[in-house]
Protein backbone atom coordinates (compact mmCIF):
# COMPACT_ATOMS: atom_id res chain seq x y z
CA MET A 1 0.00 0.00 0.00
CA ARG A 2 1.26 3.49 -0.86
CA THR A 3 2.21 5.62 2.14
CA ILE A 4 1.60 9.37 2.10
CA ALA A 5 2.65 11.97 4.67
CA ILE A 6 0.93 15.34 4.83
CA VAL A 7 2.65 18.08 6.79
CA GLY A 8 0.28 20.79 8.01
CA ALA A 9 -3.34 20.32 9.06
CA GLY A 10 -4.66 23.59 7.70
CA GLU A 11 -7.19 24.23 4.96
CA SER A 12 -5.34 22.26 2.27
CA GLY A 13 -3.55 19.62 4.33
CA ALA A 14 -6.50 18.47 6.43
CA GLN A 15 -8.81 18.25 3.43
CA LEU A 16 -6.24 16.31 1.41
CA ALA A 17 -5.73 13.89 4.30
CA LEU A 18 -9.46 13.23 4.58
CA SER A 19 -9.90 12.78 0.82
CA LEU A 20 -7.05 10.29 0.60
CA GLN A 21 -8.24 8.50 3.70
CA ARG A 22 -11.67 8.04 2.12
CA SER A 23 -9.98 6.57 -0.96
CA GLY A 24 -8.20 3.95 1.14
CA HIS A 25 -4.68 5.39 1.16
CA ASN A 26 -2.32 4.97 4.12
CA VAL A 27 -2.08 8.59 5.29
CA THR A 28 -0.14 10.17 8.15
CA LEU A 29 -1.05 13.75 9.04
CA PHE A 30 1.51 15.92 10.87
CA SER A 31 0.56 19.08 12.77
CA ASP A 32 2.40 21.26 15.25
CA ARG A 33 -0.77 21.49 17.37
CA SER A 34 -3.57 19.25 18.54
CA ALA A 35 -7.16 19.82 17.50
CA GLN A 36 -7.93 21.34 20.90
CA GLN A 37 -4.91 23.66 20.74
CA ILE A 38 -6.03 24.87 17.31
CA ARG A 39 -9.60 25.41 18.51
CA SER A 40 -8.52 27.42 21.59
CA GLY A 41 -5.72 29.36 19.86
CA SER A 42 -5.69 32.51 17.78
CA ILE A 43 -7.36 32.89 14.40
CA THR A 44 -5.19 31.98 11.44
CA SER A 45 -6.81 33.85 8.57
CA SER A 46 -9.86 35.39 7.06
CA GLN A 47 -11.77 32.92 4.97
CA CYS A 48 -14.81 32.96 2.76
CA VAL A 49 -15.36 29.80 0.78
CA PHE A 50 -17.33 30.46 -2.39
CA SER A 51 -19.60 27.90 -3.99
CA SER A 52 -17.11 26.43 -6.50
CA ALA A 53 -14.91 25.35 -3.59
CA LEU A 54 -17.76 24.80 -1.16
CA ARG A 55 -19.12 21.99 -3.33
CA VAL A 56 -15.85 20.14 -2.71
CA GLN A 57 -15.59 21.06 0.96
CA GLN A 58 -19.12 20.14 2.04
CA PRO A 59 -20.46 18.57 4.11
CA LEU A 60 -18.61 20.09 7.06
CA GLU A 61 -20.93 18.33 9.52
CA ILE A 62 -20.47 21.16 12.01
CA PRO A 63 -23.66 22.50 13.63
CA GLY A 64 -24.56 25.81 11.99
CA ALA A 65 -21.96 25.45 9.23
CA VAL A 66 -24.51 25.42 6.44
CA THR A 67 -25.57 28.02 3.91
CA THR A 68 -29.20 27.83 5.04
CA GLU A 69 -28.13 29.44 8.33
CA LEU A 70 -25.05 31.50 7.46
CA GLY A 71 -25.05 31.64 3.68
CA ILE A 72 -23.47 34.67 2.01
CA THR A 73 -25.66 35.54 -0.94
CA GLY A 74 -24.20 38.71 -2.40
CA ILE A 75 -21.47 41.34 -2.46
CA ARG A 76 -21.89 45.06 -1.89
CA LEU A 77 -19.04 47.27 -3.10
CA SER A 78 -18.52 50.90 -2.14
CA ILE A 79 -15.67 53.08 -3.42
CA LYS A 80 -15.21 56.58 -2.06
CA GLY A 81 -15.10 59.28 -4.72
CA THR A 82 -11.91 61.36 -4.92
CA ASP A 83 -10.38 64.00 -7.22
CA GLY A 84 -13.74 64.91 -8.70
CA ARG A 85 -14.67 61.31 -9.47
CA GLU A 86 -18.05 60.18 -8.19
CA GLY A 87 -18.27 57.45 -5.62
CA ILE A 88 -19.41 53.95 -6.51
CA ASP A 89 -21.94 51.84 -4.65
CA TRP A 90 -23.61 48.68 -5.93
CA GLN A 91 -24.55 45.18 -4.89
CA GLY A 92 -24.41 41.97 -6.90
CA THR A 93 -26.02 38.62 -6.22
CA LEU A 94 -24.02 35.40 -6.05
CA ASP A 95 -25.42 32.59 -8.17
CA ASN A 96 -24.86 30.22 -5.22
CA PRO A 97 -24.21 31.10 -1.58
CA ALA A 98 -20.77 31.22 0.04
CA LEU A 99 -19.92 30.28 3.62
CA SER A 100 -17.28 31.29 6.16
CA VAL A 101 -16.27 29.02 9.03
CA ASP A 102 -13.39 29.95 11.34
CA GLN A 103 -10.43 27.72 10.42
CA ARG A 104 -9.96 26.98 14.10
CA VAL A 105 -13.39 25.35 14.08
CA LYS A 106 -13.26 23.43 10.84
CA CYS A 107 -9.59 22.38 10.90
CA ALA A 108 -9.98 21.06 14.45
CA HIS A 109 -13.09 19.24 13.31
CA TRP A 110 -11.29 17.77 10.30
CA ILE A 111 -8.43 16.52 12.49
CA GLU A 112 -10.85 14.86 14.90
CA THR A 113 -12.72 13.29 11.98
CA PHE A 114 -9.45 11.98 10.54
CA ILE A 115 -8.48 10.47 13.90
CA GLY A 116 -11.98 9.06 14.44
CA ARG A 117 -11.72 7.20 11.15
CA GLY A 118 -8.48 5.55 12.27
CA GLY A 119 -6.03 8.05 10.77
CA ASP A 120 -2.44 8.36 11.97
CA PHE A 121 -2.22 11.88 13.41
CA ARG A 122 1.09 13.07 14.87
CA ILE A 123 1.72 16.27 16.80
CA GLU A 124 5.19 17.36 15.84
CA LYS A 125 6.79 20.54 14.57
CA LEU A 126 8.99 19.27 11.78
CA SER A 127 12.37 20.77 11.04
CA VAL A 128 14.02 20.33 7.65
CA ARG A 129 16.28 17.71 9.18
CA ARG A 130 13.31 15.79 10.56
CA LEU A 131 11.53 16.16 7.22
CA GLU A 132 14.49 14.38 5.61
CA GLU A 133 13.79 11.40 7.88
CA VAL A 134 10.07 11.47 7.10
CA ALA A 135 10.69 11.65 3.34
CA ALA A 136 12.77 8.47 3.55
CA LEU A 137 9.85 6.57 5.10
CA PHE A 138 6.97 7.58 2.81
CA ASP A 139 6.21 7.20 -0.89
CA LEU A 140 5.04 10.83 -1.05
CA VAL A 141 5.37 13.83 1.27
CA VAL A 142 3.06 16.82 0.74
CA VAL A 143 3.79 20.01 2.67
CA GLY A 144 0.87 22.37 3.24
CA THR A 145 2.49 24.94 5.51
CA GLY A 146 4.73 27.76 4.39
CA LYS A 147 5.72 28.83 7.88
CA GLY A 148 9.30 28.89 9.16
CA GLU A 149 12.11 27.01 7.51
CA LEU A 150 9.80 24.61 5.67
CA GLY A 151 8.62 27.47 3.49
CA GLN A 152 12.17 28.02 2.24
CA ILE A 153 12.34 24.57 0.66
CA PHE A 154 10.18 25.68 -2.27
CA VAL A 155 11.89 28.14 -4.63
CA THR A 156 9.99 31.27 -5.68
CA ASP A 157 8.77 31.28 -9.27
CA ARG A 158 9.68 34.82 -10.29
CA ALA A 159 7.68 34.66 -13.52
CA LYS A 160 4.48 34.14 -11.50
CA SER A 161 5.39 36.43 -8.57
CA PRO A 162 5.34 40.12 -9.59
CA PHE A 163 5.71 41.49 -6.04
CA ASP A 164 8.82 41.36 -3.87
CA ARG A 165 7.22 42.91 -0.77
CA PRO A 166 3.84 43.08 0.98
CA GLN A 167 1.23 45.18 -0.80
CA ARG A 168 -1.01 45.65 2.25
CA ALA A 169 -0.81 45.80 6.03
CA VAL A 170 -3.47 43.23 6.91
CA ALA A 171 -5.54 42.72 10.05
CA VAL A 172 -8.47 40.42 10.75
CA THR A 173 -10.97 40.83 13.58
CA TYR A 174 -13.89 38.61 14.58
CA VAL A 175 -16.57 40.42 16.57
CA ARG A 176 -20.05 40.05 17.94
CA PRO A 177 -21.84 43.27 16.96
CA ALA A 178 -24.38 44.90 19.22
CA GLN A 179 -27.90 43.89 18.18
CA SER A 180 -28.88 47.47 17.43
CA ALA A 181 -25.96 47.75 15.01
CA ILE A 182 -27.04 44.64 13.12
CA GLU A 183 -30.50 45.98 12.40
CA GLY A 184 -30.82 47.63 9.02
CA ALA A 185 -27.81 45.85 7.52
CA ASP A 186 -28.16 42.89 5.16
CA PRO A 187 -26.68 40.04 7.24
CA SER A 188 -26.00 37.82 4.24
CA GLN A 189 -23.71 40.12 2.23
CA ILE A 190 -20.01 40.66 1.94
CA ARG A 191 -19.71 44.42 2.36
CA MET A 192 -16.55 45.74 0.73
CA SER A 193 -15.46 49.36 1.05
CA MET A 194 -12.49 51.02 -0.65
CA VAL A 195 -10.90 54.40 0.02
CA PRO A 196 -8.32 55.26 -2.69
CA GLY A 197 -4.91 55.98 -1.21
CA VAL A 198 -5.90 54.48 2.15
CA GLY A 199 -6.99 50.88 1.73
CA GLU A 200 -9.92 48.50 1.88
CA PHE A 201 -12.25 47.06 4.47
CA PHE A 202 -14.59 44.13 4.04
CA THR A 203 -16.83 42.22 6.37
CA PHE A 204 -19.07 39.17 6.22
CA PRO A 205 -20.91 36.81 8.57
CA GLY A 206 -19.27 33.62 9.75
CA LEU A 207 -19.21 30.84 12.31
CA SER A 208 -16.53 31.00 14.98
CA THR A 209 -15.72 29.30 18.28
CA GLN A 210 -18.49 31.13 20.13
CA GLY A 211 -21.09 30.72 17.39
CA PRO A 212 -22.12 33.20 14.66
CA CYS A 213 -20.00 36.34 14.42
CA GLN A 214 -19.04 39.10 12.01
CA MET A 215 -15.61 38.83 10.40
CA MET A 216 -13.75 42.02 9.54
CA VAL A 217 -10.69 42.36 7.28
CA PHE A 218 -8.58 45.53 7.07
CA GLU A 219 -6.22 46.06 4.13
CA GLY A 220 -4.05 49.16 4.52
CA LEU A 221 -1.67 50.56 1.94
CA PRO A 222 1.90 50.33 3.32
CA GLY A 223 2.89 53.59 4.94
CA GLY A 224 -0.68 54.88 4.85
CA PRO A 225 -3.05 55.74 7.71
CA MET A 226 -4.31 52.12 7.99
CA ASP A 227 -0.77 50.80 8.36
CA CYS A 228 -0.99 51.11 12.13
CA TRP A 229 -0.91 47.60 13.59
CA ASP A 230 2.76 47.04 14.43
CA THR A 231 2.56 48.31 18.01
CA ILE A 232 -0.65 46.49 18.96
CA ASP A 233 0.03 43.81 21.57
CA SER A 234 -3.31 42.99 23.22
CA PRO A 235 -6.81 41.86 22.25
CA GLU A 236 -8.24 45.09 23.65
CA GLY A 237 -5.82 47.17 21.59
CA HIS A 238 -6.65 45.18 18.48
CA LEU A 239 -10.38 45.78 18.86
CA SER A 240 -9.89 49.45 19.70
CA THR A 241 -7.71 49.98 16.62
CA SER A 242 -10.25 48.17 14.43
CA LEU A 243 -13.08 50.43 15.57
CA GLY A 244 -10.88 53.51 15.31
CA ILE A 245 -10.08 52.79 11.66
CA LEU A 246 -13.77 52.32 10.92
CA ASN A 247 -14.67 55.55 12.65
CA GLU A 248 -12.08 57.56 10.72
CA HIS A 249 -12.12 56.00 7.25
CA PHE A 250 -15.33 53.95 6.97
CA PRO A 251 -17.90 55.81 9.09
CA HIS A 252 -20.82 54.11 7.31
CA GLU A 253 -19.48 50.83 8.73
CA TYR A 254 -18.56 52.23 12.14
CA VAL A 255 -22.21 52.83 12.97
CA ARG A 256 -22.78 49.11 12.46
CA PHE A 257 -19.90 48.02 14.67
CA ALA A 258 -19.96 50.58 17.49
CA GLY A 259 -20.38 48.65 20.72
CA SER A 260 -19.06 45.39 19.27
CA THR A 261 -17.14 42.97 21.43
CA LEU A 262 -14.29 40.70 20.42
CA ASN A 263 -15.51 37.18 19.70
CA ASP A 264 -12.78 35.70 21.94
CA PRO A 265 -9.28 36.68 23.11
CA GLY A 266 -7.71 35.01 20.06
CA ALA A 267 -10.01 36.68 17.51
CA GLY A 268 -7.43 39.14 16.19
CA LEU A 269 -4.73 38.66 13.56
CA ARG A 270 -2.17 41.13 12.21
CA GLY A 271 0.53 40.80 9.59
CA ARG A 272 1.85 41.44 6.11
CA ILE A 273 1.69 39.05 3.18
CA THR A 274 3.90 39.08 0.12
CA PRO A 275 1.93 37.40 -2.68
CA VAL A 276 4.09 34.63 -4.09
CA VAL A 277 3.97 31.49 -6.23
CA ARG A 278 6.67 28.89 -5.62
CA SER A 279 7.77 25.72 -7.36
CA ALA A 280 5.58 22.78 -6.39
CA VAL A 281 8.66 20.58 -5.92
CA GLY A 282 11.05 21.23 -3.06
CA THR A 283 14.46 19.59 -2.79
CA LEU A 284 15.70 18.66 0.67
CA PRO A 285 19.42 19.03 1.52
CA GLY A 286 19.89 15.28 1.14
CA GLY A 287 18.46 15.31 -2.38
CA ARG A 288 14.99 13.85 -1.76
CA THR A 289 12.07 15.82 -3.18
CA ILE A 290 8.74 16.72 -1.61
CA MET A 291 5.57 18.32 -2.95
CA GLY A 292 3.95 21.58 -1.86
CA ILE A 293 0.29 22.55 -1.64
CA GLY A 294 -1.75 25.53 -0.43
CA ASP A 295 0.06 28.45 1.20
CA ALA A 296 3.37 26.62 0.99
CA ILE A 297 3.54 27.34 -2.74
CA MET A 298 0.72 29.73 -3.64
CA LEU A 299 0.10 32.61 -1.28
CA ASN A 300 -2.41 35.31 -2.20
CA ASP A 301 -3.28 38.50 -0.40
CA PRO A 302 -6.72 38.02 1.21
CA LEU A 303 -8.19 41.05 -0.61
CA THR A 304 -10.34 38.92 -2.93
CA GLY A 305 -10.84 35.99 -0.56
CA GLN A 306 -9.13 33.40 -2.76
CA GLY A 307 -6.84 31.68 -0.23
CA SER A 308 -9.31 29.15 1.19
CA ASN A 309 -10.82 28.53 -2.24
CA ASN A 310 -7.42 27.83 -3.78
CA ALA A 311 -6.50 25.51 -0.91
CA THR A 312 -9.75 23.55 -1.15
CA LEU A 313 -9.67 23.15 -4.91
CA ALA A 314 -5.97 22.24 -4.87
CA ALA A 315 -6.60 19.55 -2.23
CA ASP A 316 -9.35 18.10 -4.39
CA HIS A 317 -7.16 18.18 -7.50
CA TYR A 318 -4.17 16.58 -5.74
CA ALA A 319 -6.37 13.83 -4.28
CA ARG A 320 -7.74 12.97 -7.72
CA ALA A 321 -4.25 12.96 -9.22
CA ILE A 322 -2.90 10.71 -6.46
CA ASP A 323 -5.81 8.29 -6.94
CA ALA A 324 -5.18 8.17 -10.68
CA ARG A 325 -1.44 7.53 -10.24
CA GLY A 326 -1.96 3.89 -9.33
CA ASP A 327 1.34 2.12 -8.71
CA GLU A 328 3.42 4.61 -10.67
CA PRO A 329 6.06 6.52 -8.66
CA PHE A 330 5.37 10.03 -7.37
CA ASP A 331 8.37 11.45 -9.18
CA ASP A 332 9.32 15.08 -9.78
CA ALA A 333 7.74 15.14 -13.24
CA TRP A 334 4.41 13.96 -11.83
CA MET A 335 4.54 16.53 -9.01
CA LEU A 336 5.22 19.38 -11.42
CA HIS A 337 2.55 18.18 -13.85
CA THR A 338 -0.05 17.88 -11.08
CA PHE A 339 0.51 21.44 -9.88
CA ASP A 340 0.75 22.81 -13.42
CA GLU A 341 -2.65 21.31 -14.21
CA PHE A 342 -4.13 23.04 -11.18
CA TRP A 343 -2.35 26.30 -12.04
CA ARG A 344 -3.52 26.32 -15.66
CA GLY A 345 -7.09 25.31 -14.82
CA TRP A 346 -7.65 27.52 -11.77
CA GLY A 347 -4.73 28.95 -9.80
CA GLN A 348 -3.42 31.38 -12.40
CA PHE A 349 -6.77 33.12 -12.71
CA SER A 350 -7.34 33.70 -9.00
CA THR A 351 -3.73 34.85 -8.60
CA VAL A 352 -3.65 37.27 -11.53
CA TRP A 353 -7.02 38.74 -10.55
CA THR A 354 -6.05 39.21 -6.90
CA ASN A 355 -2.77 40.83 -7.91
CA SER A 356 -4.64 43.20 -10.23
CA MET A 357 -6.87 44.31 -7.36
CA LEU A 358 -3.79 45.19 -5.29
CA ARG A 359 -2.74 47.67 -7.94
CA GLU A 360 -4.42 50.97 -8.72
CA ARG A 361 -7.51 50.32 -10.81
CA LYS A 362 -7.24 51.09 -14.54
CA ASP A 363 -9.62 53.58 -16.11
CA TRP A 364 -11.68 50.90 -17.86
CA GLN A 365 -11.90 48.92 -14.61
CA LEU A 366 -13.23 51.94 -12.76
CA GLU A 367 -15.67 52.47 -15.62
CA LEU A 368 -16.88 48.87 -15.28
CA LEU A 369 -17.35 49.29 -11.54
CA GLY A 370 -19.25 52.52 -12.14
CA LYS A 371 -21.53 50.98 -14.77
CA ALA A 372 -22.42 48.21 -12.31
CA GLN A 373 -24.41 50.83 -10.37
CA ARG A 374 -26.77 51.10 -13.32
CA HIS A 375 -26.76 47.51 -14.55
CA ASP A 376 -27.54 44.68 -12.13
CA SER A 377 -26.34 42.08 -14.63
CA LEU A 378 -22.86 43.64 -14.62
CA ALA A 379 -22.84 43.87 -10.83
CA THR A 380 -23.80 40.20 -10.66
CA ALA A 381 -21.03 39.26 -13.10
CA LEU A 382 -18.46 41.11 -10.99
CA ALA A 383 -19.76 39.53 -7.78
CA ASN A 384 -19.57 36.03 -9.24
CA GLY A 385 -15.98 36.67 -10.27
CA PHE A 386 -15.14 36.24 -6.57
CA ASP A 387 -16.50 32.70 -6.83
CA ASP A 388 -14.90 31.83 -10.17
CA PRO A 389 -12.22 34.35 -11.25
CA ARG A 390 -12.02 32.72 -14.69
CA MET A 391 -15.30 34.48 -15.47
CA LEU A 392 -13.46 37.82 -15.33
CA PHE A 393 -11.15 36.96 -18.21
CA PRO A 394 -10.49 38.70 -20.51
CA TRP A 395 -12.92 41.57 -19.93
CA TRP A 396 -11.54 42.77 -16.57
CA PHE A 397 -8.06 43.05 -18.07
CA GLU A 398 -8.58 44.44 -21.58
CA PRO A 399 -10.36 47.75 -22.32
CA GLU A 400 -11.91 46.65 -25.63
CA GLU A 401 -13.24 43.45 -24.05
CA ALA A 402 -14.51 45.46 -21.07
CA ALA A 403 -16.54 47.75 -23.33
CA ALA A 404 -18.00 44.84 -25.29
CA PHE A 405 -18.86 42.87 -22.15
CA SER A 406 -20.57 45.80 -20.43
CA GLU A 407 -22.65 46.42 -23.58
CA ARG A 408 -23.79 42.81 -23.60
CA ALA A 409 -24.57 42.92 -19.89
CA ALA A 410 -26.70 46.05 -20.37
CA ALA A 411 -28.49 44.47 -23.33
CA GLU A 412 -29.41 41.43 -21.24
CA GLU A 413 -31.57 43.61 -19.03
CA GLY A 414 -33.91 44.23 -21.93
CA ALA A 415 -34.44 40.53 -22.61
CA ALA A 416 -37.91 39.05 -22.38
CA LEU A 417 -36.74 36.54 -19.74
CA ASP A 418 -34.67 36.81 -16.59
CA LEU A 419 -31.55 35.44 -18.27
CA ARG A 420 -29.77 34.59 -15.02
CA ASP A 421 -32.69 32.47 -13.91
CA PHE A 422 -33.10 31.09 -17.44
CA ARG A 423 -29.49 29.88 -17.42
CA ALA A 424 -30.08 28.21 -14.07
CA ALA A 425 -33.15 26.45 -15.48
CA LEU A 426 -31.19 25.28 -18.52
CA GLY A 427 -28.51 24.01 -16.15
CA GLN A 428 -31.00 21.49 -14.81
CA PHE A 429 -30.48 19.55 -18.03
CA ALA A 430 -27.42 17.40 -17.35
CA THR A 431 -24.98 17.12 -20.25
CA GLY A 432 -21.66 15.63 -21.11
CA VAL A 433 -18.68 17.94 -21.53
CA THR A 434 -16.64 18.28 -24.71
CA VAL A 435 -13.66 20.25 -25.91
CA VAL A 436 -14.07 21.25 -29.54
CA THR A 437 -10.77 21.73 -31.35
CA THR A 438 -9.65 22.90 -34.77
CA ARG A 439 -6.61 23.98 -36.74
CA THR A 440 -6.63 26.95 -39.10
CA PRO A 441 -5.05 26.94 -42.57
CA GLN A 442 -2.18 28.89 -41.01
CA GLY A 443 -1.60 26.06 -38.52
CA THR A 444 -3.02 27.77 -35.44
CA LYS A 445 -4.59 25.42 -32.90
CA ALA A 446 -7.81 26.50 -31.21
CA GLY A 447 -10.20 24.92 -28.75
CA MET A 448 -13.07 25.69 -26.44
CA THR A 449 -15.18 23.81 -23.92
CA ALA A 450 -18.77 23.14 -24.98
CA ASN A 451 -21.70 21.13 -23.71
CA SER A 452 -23.95 22.20 -26.61
CA PHE A 453 -23.14 19.06 -28.60
CA THR A 454 -25.61 16.58 -30.04
CA SER A 455 -26.16 14.08 -32.80
CA VAL A 456 -28.25 15.32 -35.74
CA SER A 457 -28.38 12.50 -38.27
CA MET A 458 -27.15 8.93 -38.67
CA ASP A 459 -27.18 8.91 -42.47
CA PRO A 460 -25.33 10.99 -43.35
CA PRO A 461 -23.55 11.09 -39.95
CA LEU A 462 -24.09 14.67 -38.75
CA VAL A 463 -23.45 16.35 -35.38
CA LEU A 464 -23.74 19.94 -34.18
CA TRP A 465 -22.39 22.24 -31.52
CA CYS A 466 -23.09 25.88 -30.72
CA PRO A 467 -20.33 28.38 -29.82
CA SER A 468 -21.07 31.90 -28.66
CA ARG A 469 -20.76 34.67 -31.22
CA PHE A 470 -18.49 36.41 -28.70
CA ALA A 471 -16.11 33.48 -28.12
CA PRO A 472 -12.49 34.65 -28.65
CA SER A 473 -11.68 31.50 -30.68
CA LEU A 474 -14.64 31.82 -33.03
CA GLU A 475 -12.59 33.43 -35.79
CA ASP A 476 -10.32 30.38 -35.86
CA PHE A 477 -13.29 28.05 -36.28
CA GLU A 478 -14.70 30.32 -39.00
CA ALA A 479 -11.42 30.02 -40.90
CA SER A 480 -11.23 26.23 -40.59
CA THR A 481 -12.75 23.50 -42.71
CA HIS A 482 -12.90 20.88 -39.93
CA PHE A 483 -13.46 20.56 -36.21
CA ALA A 484 -13.11 17.73 -33.68
CA ILE A 485 -15.41 16.92 -30.79
CA ASN A 486 -13.46 15.49 -27.83
CA VAL A 487 -15.81 13.93 -25.26
CA LEU A 488 -14.11 14.28 -21.89
CA GLU A 489 -13.60 11.47 -19.40
CA SER A 490 -14.72 12.06 -15.82
CA SER A 491 -11.20 12.85 -14.58
CA GLN A 492 -10.62 15.51 -17.26
CA HIS A 493 -12.42 18.37 -15.51
CA VAL A 494 -9.10 20.25 -15.50
CA LEU A 495 -9.10 20.23 -19.30
CA SER A 496 -12.67 21.48 -19.28
CA ARG A 497 -11.67 24.45 -17.14
CA GLN A 498 -8.52 25.11 -19.14
CA PHE A 499 -10.32 25.29 -22.47
CA ALA A 500 -13.23 27.28 -21.00
CA THR A 501 -11.05 30.26 -20.15
CA PRO A 502 -9.27 32.65 -22.56
CA ALA A 503 -5.50 32.13 -22.57
CA ASP A 504 -2.55 32.77 -24.85
CA ASP A 505 -2.01 29.02 -25.24
CA LYS A 506 -4.88 26.79 -24.16
CA PHE A 507 -2.90 23.74 -25.29
CA ALA A 508 -0.05 24.31 -22.80
CA GLY A 509 0.73 21.00 -21.17
CA VAL A 510 -2.03 19.19 -23.08
CA ALA A 511 -1.25 15.84 -24.70
CA TYR A 512 -2.83 15.36 -28.13
CA THR A 513 -2.36 13.70 -31.50
CA ASP A 514 -3.11 15.07 -34.96
CA GLY A 515 -6.19 13.90 -36.81
CA ILE A 516 -7.82 14.80 -40.12
CA ALA A 517 -6.68 18.21 -41.39
CA GLY A 518 -4.32 18.44 -38.41
CA LEU A 519 -7.17 18.47 -35.87
CA PRO A 520 -5.82 18.22 -32.30
CA LEU A 521 -7.35 15.09 -30.70
CA LEU A 522 -7.02 15.17 -26.92
CA ASP A 523 -5.45 12.15 -25.27
CA GLY A 524 -7.73 10.41 -22.80
CA ALA A 525 -11.03 11.53 -24.34
CA ILE A 526 -13.57 8.70 -24.26
CA ALA A 527 -14.75 9.52 -27.78
CA THR A 528 -13.61 11.77 -30.61
CA PHE A 529 -15.48 12.85 -33.72
CA GLU A 530 -13.49 14.35 -36.59
CA CYS A 531 -15.87 16.45 -38.66
CA ARG A 532 -15.97 18.51 -41.84
CA THR A 533 -17.99 21.68 -41.40
CA VAL A 534 -20.99 21.49 -43.74
CA ALA A 535 -23.15 24.36 -42.43
CA ARG A 536 -23.10 27.37 -40.15
CA HIS A 537 -26.30 29.05 -38.98
CA GLN A 538 -26.58 32.29 -37.04
CA ALA A 539 -28.90 31.75 -34.09
CA GLY A 540 -29.24 34.73 -31.77
CA ASP A 541 -26.09 35.16 -29.74
CA HIS A 542 -24.73 31.75 -30.82
CA VAL A 543 -23.71 30.03 -34.05
CA ILE A 544 -24.87 26.52 -34.94
CA TYR A 545 -22.07 24.47 -36.48
CA VAL A 546 -23.12 21.31 -38.33
CA GLY A 547 -20.39 18.82 -39.16
CA GLU A 548 -20.27 15.58 -41.10
CA VAL A 549 -18.34 12.94 -39.20
CA GLU A 550 -15.48 11.65 -41.36
CA LYS A 551 -13.78 9.61 -38.65
CA TYR A 552 -14.49 8.71 -35.04
CA SER A 553 -13.08 6.66 -32.18
CA ARG A 554 -14.28 5.59 -28.76
CA GLY A 555 -12.58 4.31 -25.64
CA ALA A 556 -13.39 3.07 -22.17
CA GLY A 557 -14.27 5.25 -19.21
CA ASP A 558 -17.09 7.27 -17.75
CA PRO A 559 -18.02 10.71 -19.12
CA LEU A 560 -17.58 14.00 -17.33
CA VAL A 561 -21.05 15.35 -16.55
CA PHE A 562 -22.13 18.97 -16.00
CA HIS A 563 -25.31 19.78 -14.09
CA ALA A 564 -26.49 22.87 -12.17
CA GLY A 565 -23.18 24.64 -12.58
CA ALA A 566 -21.01 21.79 -11.26
CA TYR A 567 -19.11 18.76 -12.53
CA HIS A 568 -20.43 15.31 -11.66
CA ARG A 569 -19.59 11.66 -12.16
CA THR A 570 -22.03 9.11 -13.55
CA ALA A 571 -23.45 6.33 -11.40
CA LEU A 572 -25.79 3.49 -12.18
CA HIS A 573 -29.30 4.22 -10.91
CA PRO A 574 -30.02 2.10 -7.80
CA ASP A 575 -33.14 0.69 -9.44
CA PHE A 576 -30.92 -0.93 -12.09
CA SER A 577 -27.89 -1.92 -10.03
């Protein structure tokens, strides 16, 4: 049996340990503290887990840790006007609720669950020397903590790390507001306030050690008036400073928090974070290699709330990759490939977006934020970018795309149907997932994820799919004579994400072979259909492509399924098992 050691029982490490334990792996989980010490200690972060990650993380099985009781359903953004520019204030609705549970509560719970299921849990603060000994005993060592000397094992990837110093002075405070302050405020929103030249403040409801609370995060520009935490050395001083900042810079929030009490003596956190991405493979002094996950290799500023989401989704991705490895060795190439898949399919988008928010907003970005006051559909799109940052590409980053996207968002409001609700209703129809690929006469490869694929005719053999008229790759398909439908296998959700998001090279790291007319055929697909385009029909905001199948292949495996905004696996109905 393969033996796996996980160092660090935080958001990524504890979830990975539980996932591997459920799959039957022999897992040892190392932590420098017991579950009770974590539960009674100081807070370790802010955290808001959005629905894309929450689907993986649930069920927590902690009383009250459910969206029906503490669900976060929307985001309200306020930006103070300066230099003659009007202020901005809007609120957007999340398609699915988010949830925040104090990491002291859930990580302690995860450790106890792991132990209760027979897991090998060891309380030990590992040095690099001790890690050498551990690495010699296990088939794979995964490090999920970037603290102390362990964090130095993984080399910084300078190409992915644009900052060499902290961009904000950060503080987190968990409080219990006075009841009178709660009245009149929407308890289910993330309220985010920005003061140019000063910093940001955001707050949201959560579950902590004493029950429901309000979580506050302060992000001060270095050297600015909110960079004032270095001399604080007591819980009372931390709370007083928190309220003082609100009173001076965010008075509309101060009225809601006046009279608040600290949730518990450990409910304050202060520090500075340098956003960084490190190599996923660390080499120990003796030459053995280990693998990094979570904050050990990908550390984001908490401004956009991506840390817990990245950790959760990375743990899920690593667990799937380990399961699929079988008896093959966990070598350096596999470690790098596993992280690169996660980076290409998810991590790069949350990182680039968070880093953009740390910089001064561009003119077109401010214009987008301003237009969201007038167009609920745009506000909703921006809000849901917190859940899935891939949705923000490329329109948050390119002025021409921003203008086109905002025009489409405004036009949606004049539609006969509520298009957001209509999409949700359409999502009730479960489909397979395909990647449609082509190659232009100039040799350019193109591909996009699509679930709008169906058979049309058996004789002649015809199929169709429907790309959006606004898809960046549409011009490449227009210029091509052929396309290929690649039906994804259930483990290929990473490919689905990769081809669903605009990128300079969607085929980076993707294994494929050439088919008819040079069509890229993705390795591992459970079926491929190589088609000659025989008709194109304009249909509203989409184009119907009809292709005649000239060649096809099929393999073993279960299809990737998409339903209600999430990926699923197939299972035989119990009535027929």
